[in-house]
Amino acid sequence: MASSNVNDLLPEALRKEIFHALVDAQDQKMSVSQSLRWVAERYGVSEEQIRQIESEGIDAEWPPL
């Protein structure tokens, strides 16, 4: 079974908030794996969903990029 698309599950405003939190965590010198785990726990989503949001945010050049 294919993993569900995060776009179908979370509103864009929340995905942008999660992306911002991820970028902020990494700006604060948190490693990529630590930041993924921390943001996933904070927002109650999987690390795979965080990776999808990260990819979407980079592709769309969401702030704070």
PDB file of N, CA and C in Angstrom:
ATOM      1  N   MET A   1       0.853  -1.188   0.000  1.00  0.00           N
ATOM      2  CA  MET A   1       0.000   0.000   0.000  1.00  0.00           C
ATOM      3  C   MET A   1       0.888   1.236   0.000  1.00  0.00           C
ATOM      4  N   ALA A   2       0.581   2.178  -0.865  1.00  0.00           N
ATOM      5  CA  ALA A   2       1.360   3.407  -0.950  1.00  0.00           C
ATOM      6  C   ALA A   2       1.075   4.296   0.254  1.00  0.00           C
ATOM      7  N   SER A   3       2.097   5.048   0.670  1.00  0.00           N
ATOM      8  CA  SER A   3       1.874   5.958   1.796  1.00  0.00           C
ATOM      9  C   SER A   3       0.974   7.100   1.344  1.00  0.00           C
ATOM     10  N   SER A   4       0.129   7.565   2.237  1.00  0.00           N
ATOM     11  CA  SER A   4      -0.806   8.619   1.878  1.00  0.00           C
ATOM     12  C   SER A   4      -0.079   9.942   1.737  1.00  0.00           C
ATOM     13  N   ASN A   5      -0.585  10.750   0.866  1.00  0.00           N
ATOM     14  CA  ASN A   5      -0.006  12.053   0.591  1.00  0.00           C
ATOM     15  C   ASN A   5      -0.370  13.008   1.723  1.00  0.00           C
ATOM     16  N   VAL A   6       0.638  13.654   2.265  1.00  0.00           N
ATOM     17  CA  VAL A   6       0.423  14.582   3.374  1.00  0.00           C
ATOM     18  C   VAL A   6      -0.503  15.728   2.964  1.00  0.00           C
ATOM     19  N   ASN A   7      -0.516  16.084   1.676  1.00  0.00           N
ATOM     20  CA  ASN A   7      -1.391  17.156   1.199  1.00  0.00           C
ATOM     21  C   ASN A   7      -2.862  16.814   1.403  1.00  0.00           C
ATOM     22  N   ASP A   8      -3.172  15.516   1.379  1.00  0.00           N
ATOM     23  CA  ASP A   8      -4.559  15.076   1.565  1.00  0.00           C
ATOM     24  C   ASP A   8      -4.973  15.088   3.034  1.00  0.00           C
ATOM     25  N   LEU A   9      -3.992  15.112   3.930  1.00  0.00           N
ATOM     26  CA  LEU A   9      -4.274  14.961   5.356  1.00  0.00           C
ATOM     27  C   LEU A   9      -4.187  16.255   6.155  1.00  0.00           C
ATOM     28  N   LEU A  10      -3.308  17.157   5.758  1.00  0.00           N
ATOM     29  CA  LEU A  10      -3.050  18.365   6.544  1.00  0.00           C
ATOM     30  C   LEU A  10      -3.277  19.615   5.704  1.00  0.00           C
ATOM     31  N   PRO A  11      -3.929  20.627   6.267  1.00  0.00           N
ATOM     32  CA  PRO A  11      -4.122  21.878   5.524  1.00  0.00           C
ATOM     33  C   PRO A  11      -2.784  22.568   5.254  1.00  0.00           C
ATOM     34  N   GLU A  12      -2.735  23.322   4.186  1.00  0.00           N
ATOM     35  CA  GLU A  12      -1.492  23.990   3.791  1.00  0.00           C
ATOM     36  C   GLU A  12      -0.939  24.888   4.892  1.00  0.00           C
ATOM     37  N   ALA A  13      -1.784  25.600   5.603  1.00  0.00           N
ATOM     38  CA  ALA A  13      -1.302  26.488   6.667  1.00  0.00           C
ATOM     39  C   ALA A  13      -0.542  25.699   7.736  1.00  0.00           C
ATOM     40  N   LEU A  14      -1.033  24.506   8.070  1.00  0.00           N
ATOM     41  CA  LEU A  14      -0.348  23.673   9.059  1.00  0.00           C
ATOM     42  C   LEU A  14       0.946  23.121   8.485  1.00  0.00           C
ATOM     43  N   ARG A  15       0.948  22.718   7.216  1.00  0.00           N
ATOM     44  CA  ARG A  15       2.180  22.232   6.589  1.00  0.00           C
ATOM     45  C   ARG A  15       3.242  23.324   6.582  1.00  0.00           C
ATOM     46  N   LYS A  16       2.844  24.555   6.309  1.00  0.00           N
ATOM     47  CA  LYS A  16       3.796  25.670   6.327  1.00  0.00           C
ATOM     48  C   LYS A  16       4.326  25.914   7.739  1.00  0.00           C
ATOM     49  N   GLU A  17       3.474  25.798   8.731  1.00  0.00           N
ATOM     50  CA  GLU A  17       3.902  25.960  10.124  1.00  0.00           C
ATOM     51  C   GLU A  17       4.918  24.875  10.499  1.00  0.00           C
ATOM     52  N   ILE A  18       4.644  23.653  10.082  1.00  0.00           N
ATOM     53  CA  ILE A  18       5.560  22.545  10.349  1.00  0.00           C
ATOM     54  C   ILE A  18       6.888  22.771   9.640  1.00  0.00           C
ATOM     55  N   PHE A  19       6.844  23.207   8.409  1.00  0.00           N
ATOM     56  CA  PHE A  19       8.070  23.487   7.651  1.00  0.00           C
ATOM     57  C   PHE A  19       8.895  24.560   8.353  1.00  0.00           C
ATOM     58  N   HIS A  20       8.236  25.609   8.795  1.00  0.00           N
ATOM     59  CA  HIS A  20       8.917  26.694   9.504  1.00  0.00           C
ATOM     60  C   HIS A  20       9.584  26.173  10.776  1.00  0.00           C
ATOM     61  N   ALA A  21       8.879  25.331  11.519  1.00  0.00           N
ATOM     62  CA  ALA A  21       9.439  24.755  12.746  1.00  0.00           C
ATOM     63  C   ALA A  21      10.663  23.898  12.424  1.00  0.00           C
ATOM     64  N   LEU A  22      10.602  23.166  11.336  1.00  0.00           N
ATOM     65  CA  LEU A  22      11.726  22.318  10.935  1.00  0.00           C
ATOM     66  C   LEU A  22      12.943  23.160  10.579  1.00  0.00           C
ATOM     67  N   VAL A  23      12.743  24.201   9.795  1.00  0.00           N
ATOM     68  CA  VAL A  23      13.850  25.085   9.417  1.00  0.00           C
ATOM     69  C   VAL A  23      14.430  25.762  10.655  1.00  0.00           C
ATOM     70  N   ASP A  24      13.561  26.248  11.530  1.00  0.00           N
ATOM     71  CA  ASP A  24      14.033  26.890  12.766  1.00  0.00           C
ATOM     72  C   ASP A  24      14.869  25.931  13.612  1.00  0.00           C
ATOM     73  N   ALA A  25      14.415  24.689  13.735  1.00  0.00           N
ATOM     74  CA  ALA A  25      15.153  23.705  14.532  1.00  0.00           C
ATOM     75  C   ALA A  25      16.544  23.476  13.945  1.00  0.00           C
ATOM     76  N   GLN A  26      16.623  23.388  12.639  1.00  0.00           N
ATOM     77  CA  GLN A  26      17.918  23.173  12.004  1.00  0.00           C
ATOM     78  C   GLN A  26      18.785  24.427  12.083  1.00  0.00           C
ATOM     79  N   ASP A  27      18.177  25.598  12.048  1.00  0.00           N
ATOM     80  CA  ASP A  27      18.933  26.848  12.223  1.00  0.00           C
ATOM     81  C   ASP A  27      19.515  26.953  13.628  1.00  0.00           C
ATOM     82  N   GLN A  28      18.867  26.288  14.581  1.00  0.00           N
ATOM     83  CA  GLN A  28      19.347  26.297  15.967  1.00  0.00           C
ATOM     84  C   GLN A  28      20.374  25.183  16.204  1.00  0.00           C
ATOM     85  N   LYS A  29      20.930  24.676  15.114  1.00  0.00           N
ATOM     86  CA  LYS A  29      22.006  23.669  15.152  1.00  0.00           C
ATOM     87  C   LYS A  29      21.541  22.272  15.537  1.00  0.00           C
ATOM     88  N   MET A  30      20.251  22.000  15.420  1.00  0.00           N
ATOM     89  CA  MET A  30      19.743  20.649  15.643  1.00  0.00           C
ATOM     90  C   MET A  30      20.054  19.855  14.366  1.00  0.00           C
ATOM     91  N   SER A  31      20.478  18.617  14.505  1.00  0.00           N
ATOM     92  CA  SER A  31      20.769  17.802  13.324  1.00  0.00           C
ATOM     93  C   SER A  31      19.467  17.527  12.560  1.00  0.00           C
ATOM     94  N   VAL A  32      19.631  17.095  11.318  1.00  0.00           N
ATOM     95  CA  VAL A  32      18.457  16.800  10.498  1.00  0.00           C
ATOM     96  C   VAL A  32      17.612  15.708  11.150  1.00  0.00           C
ATOM     97  N   SER A  33      18.247  14.625  11.586  1.00  0.00           N
ATOM     98  CA  SER A  33      17.473  13.538  12.198  1.00  0.00           C
ATOM     99  C   SER A  33      16.811  13.980  13.502  1.00  0.00           C
ATOM    100  N   GLN A  34      17.524  14.777  14.308  1.00  0.00           N
ATOM    101  CA  GLN A  34      16.923  15.283  15.547  1.00  0.00           C
ATOM    102  C   GLN A  34      15.740  16.194  15.236  1.00  0.00           C
ATOM    103  N   SER A  35      15.904  17.078  14.264  1.00  0.00           N
ATOM    104  CA  SER A  35      14.832  18.025  13.935  1.00  0.00           C
ATOM    105  C   SER A  35      13.605  17.301  13.391  1.00  0.00           C
ATOM    106  N   LEU A  36      13.822  16.277  12.565  1.00  0.00           N
ATOM    107  CA  LEU A  36      12.687  15.500  12.051  1.00  0.00           C
ATOM    108  C   LEU A  36      11.917  14.852  13.191  1.00  0.00           C
ATOM    109  N   ARG A  37      12.647  14.225  14.107  1.00  0.00           N
ATOM    110  CA  ARG A  37      12.031  13.541  15.241  1.00  0.00           C
ATOM    111  C   ARG A  37      11.295  14.534  16.140  1.00  0.00           C
ATOM    112  N   TRP A  38      11.939  15.664  16.443  1.00  0.00           N
ATOM    113  CA  TRP A  38      11.355  16.670  17.331  1.00  0.00           C
ATOM    114  C   TRP A  38      10.076  17.263  16.745  1.00  0.00           C
ATOM    115  N   VAL A  39      10.122  17.642  15.466  1.00  0.00           N
ATOM    116  CA  VAL A  39       8.945  18.251  14.831  1.00  0.00           C
ATOM    117  C   VAL A  39       7.820  17.217  14.696  1.00  0.00           C
ATOM    118  N   ALA A  40       8.169  15.976  14.365  1.00  0.00           N
ATOM    119  CA  ALA A  40       7.149  14.931  14.259  1.00  0.00           C
ATOM    120  C   ALA A  40       6.433  14.741  15.595  1.00  0.00           C
ATOM    121  N   GLU A  41       7.206  14.694  16.671  1.00  0.00           N
ATOM    122  CA  GLU A  41       6.599  14.540  17.998  1.00  0.00           C
ATOM    123  C   GLU A  41       5.770  15.766  18.371  1.00  0.00           C
ATOM    124  N   ARG A  42       6.291  16.934  18.087  1.00  0.00           N
ATOM    125  CA  ARG A  42       5.597  18.185  18.442  1.00  0.00           C
ATOM    126  C   ARG A  42       4.237  18.303  17.753  1.00  0.00           C
ATOM    127  N   TYR A  43       4.168  17.876  16.485  1.00  0.00           N
ATOM    128  CA  TYR A  43       2.934  18.043  15.719  1.00  0.00           C
ATOM    129  C   TYR A  43       2.123  16.753  15.591  1.00  0.00           C
ATOM    130  N   GLY A  44       2.629  15.659  16.134  1.00  0.00           N
ATOM    131  CA  GLY A  44       1.885  14.407  16.100  1.00  0.00           C
ATOM    132  C   GLY A  44       1.734  13.819  14.712  1.00  0.00           C
ATOM    133  N   VAL A  45       2.771  13.956  13.904  1.00  0.00           N
ATOM    134  CA  VAL A  45       2.777  13.373  12.567  1.00  0.00           C
ATOM    135  C   VAL A  45       4.019  12.495  12.430  1.00  0.00           C
ATOM    136  N   SER A  46       4.081  11.707  11.373  1.00  0.00           N
ATOM    137  CA  SER A  46       5.214  10.803  11.188  1.00  0.00           C
ATOM    138  C   SER A  46       6.414  11.549  10.595  1.00  0.00           C
ATOM    139  N   GLU A  47       7.579  10.954  10.766  1.00  0.00           N
ATOM    140  CA  GLU A  47       8.786  11.538  10.165  1.00  0.00           C
ATOM    141  C   GLU A  47       8.680  11.528   8.643  1.00  0.00           C
ATOM    142  N   GLU A  48       8.015  10.527   8.081  1.00  0.00           N
ATOM    143  CA  GLU A  48       7.812  10.474   6.628  1.00  0.00           C
ATOM    144  C   GLU A  48       6.961  11.670   6.169  1.00  0.00           C
ATOM    145  N   GLN A  49       5.934  12.016   6.947  1.00  0.00           N
ATOM    146  CA  GLN A  49       5.127  13.193   6.596  1.00  0.00           C
ATOM    147  C   GLN A  49       5.972  14.461   6.685  1.00  0.00           C
ATOM    148  N   ILE A  50       6.849  14.533   7.671  1.00  0.00           N
ATOM    149  CA  ILE A  50       7.726  15.699   7.797  1.00  0.00           C
ATOM    150  C   ILE A  50       8.631  15.799   6.568  1.00  0.00           C
ATOM    151  N   ARG A  51       9.145  14.667   6.108  1.00  0.00           N
ATOM    152  CA  ARG A  51       9.998  14.677   4.908  1.00  0.00           C
ATOM    153  C   ARG A  51       9.216  15.167   3.690  1.00  0.00           C
ATOM    154  N   GLN A  52       7.956  14.747   3.578  1.00  0.00           N
ATOM    155  CA  GLN A  52       7.118  15.206   2.464  1.00  0.00           C
ATOM    156  C   GLN A  52       6.894  16.716   2.553  1.00  0.00           C
ATOM    157  N   ILE A  53       6.630  17.205   3.756  1.00  0.00           N
ATOM    158  CA  ILE A  53       6.416  18.639   3.963  1.00  0.00           C
ATOM    159  C   ILE A  53       7.700  19.404   3.664  1.00  0.00           C
ATOM    160  N   GLU A  54       8.820  18.860   4.096  1.00  0.00           N
ATOM    161  CA  GLU A  54      10.107  19.502   3.825  1.00  0.00           C
ATOM    162  C   GLU A  54      10.336  19.629   2.322  1.00  0.00           C
ATOM    163  N   SER A  55      10.083  18.569   1.593  1.00  0.00           N
ATOM    164  CA  SER A  55      10.252  18.583   0.143  1.00  0.00           C
ATOM    165  C   SER A  55       9.318  19.594  -0.514  1.00  0.00           C
ATOM    166  N   GLU A  56       8.065  19.594  -0.079  1.00  0.00           N
ATOM    167  CA  GLU A  56       7.085  20.546  -0.621  1.00  0.00           C
ATOM    168  C   GLU A  56       7.518  21.981  -0.331  1.00  0.00           C
ATOM    169  N   GLY A  57       7.961  22.235   0.891  1.00  0.00           N
ATOM    170  CA  GLY A  57       8.385  23.585   1.271  1.00  0.00           C
ATOM    171  C   GLY A  57       9.577  24.073   0.491  1.00  0.00           C
ATOM    172  N   ILE A  58      10.536  23.177   0.252  1.00  0.00           N
ATOM    173  CA  ILE A  58      11.712  23.558  -0.535  1.00  0.00           C
ATOM    174  C   ILE A  58      11.304  23.825  -1.982  1.00  0.00           C
ATOM    175  N   ASP A  59      10.499  22.934  -2.547  1.00  0.00           N
ATOM    176  CA  ASP A  59      10.062  23.099  -3.947  1.00  0.00           C
ATOM    177  C   ASP A  59       9.285  24.396  -4.140  1.00  0.00           C
ATOM    178  N   ALA A  60       8.439  24.740  -3.173  1.00  0.00           N
ATOM    179  CA  ALA A  60       7.599  25.929  -3.273  1.00  0.00           C
ATOM    180  C   ALA A  60       8.274  27.180  -2.730  1.00  0.00           C
ATOM    181  N   GLU A  61       9.489  27.011  -2.174  1.00  0.00           N
ATOM    182  CA  GLU A  61      10.253  28.115  -1.588  1.00  0.00           C
ATOM    183  C   GLU A  61       9.456  28.858  -0.506  1.00  0.00           C
ATOM    184  N   TRP A  62       8.840  28.053   0.382  1.00  0.00           N
ATOM    185  CA  TRP A  62       8.112  28.644   1.501  1.00  0.00           C
ATOM    186  C   TRP A  62       9.068  29.368   2.421  1.00  0.00           C
ATOM    187  N   PRO A  63       8.585  30.428   3.071  1.00  0.00           N
ATOM    188  CA  PRO A  63       9.416  31.069   4.107  1.00  0.00           C
ATOM    189  C   PRO A  63       9.661  30.078   5.234  1.00  0.00           C
ATOM    190  N   PRO A  64      10.755  30.104   5.836  1.00  0.00           N
ATOM    191  CA  PRO A  64      11.776  31.161   5.867  1.00  0.00           C
ATOM    192  C   PRO A  64      12.920  30.977   4.888  1.00  0.00           C
ATOM    193  N   LEU A  65      12.731  30.284   3.767  1.00  0.00           N
ATOM    194  CA  LEU A  65      13.821  30.137   2.786  1.00  0.00           C
ATOM    195  C   LEU A  65      14.142  31.444   2.108  1.00  0.00           C
TER     196      LEU A  65
END
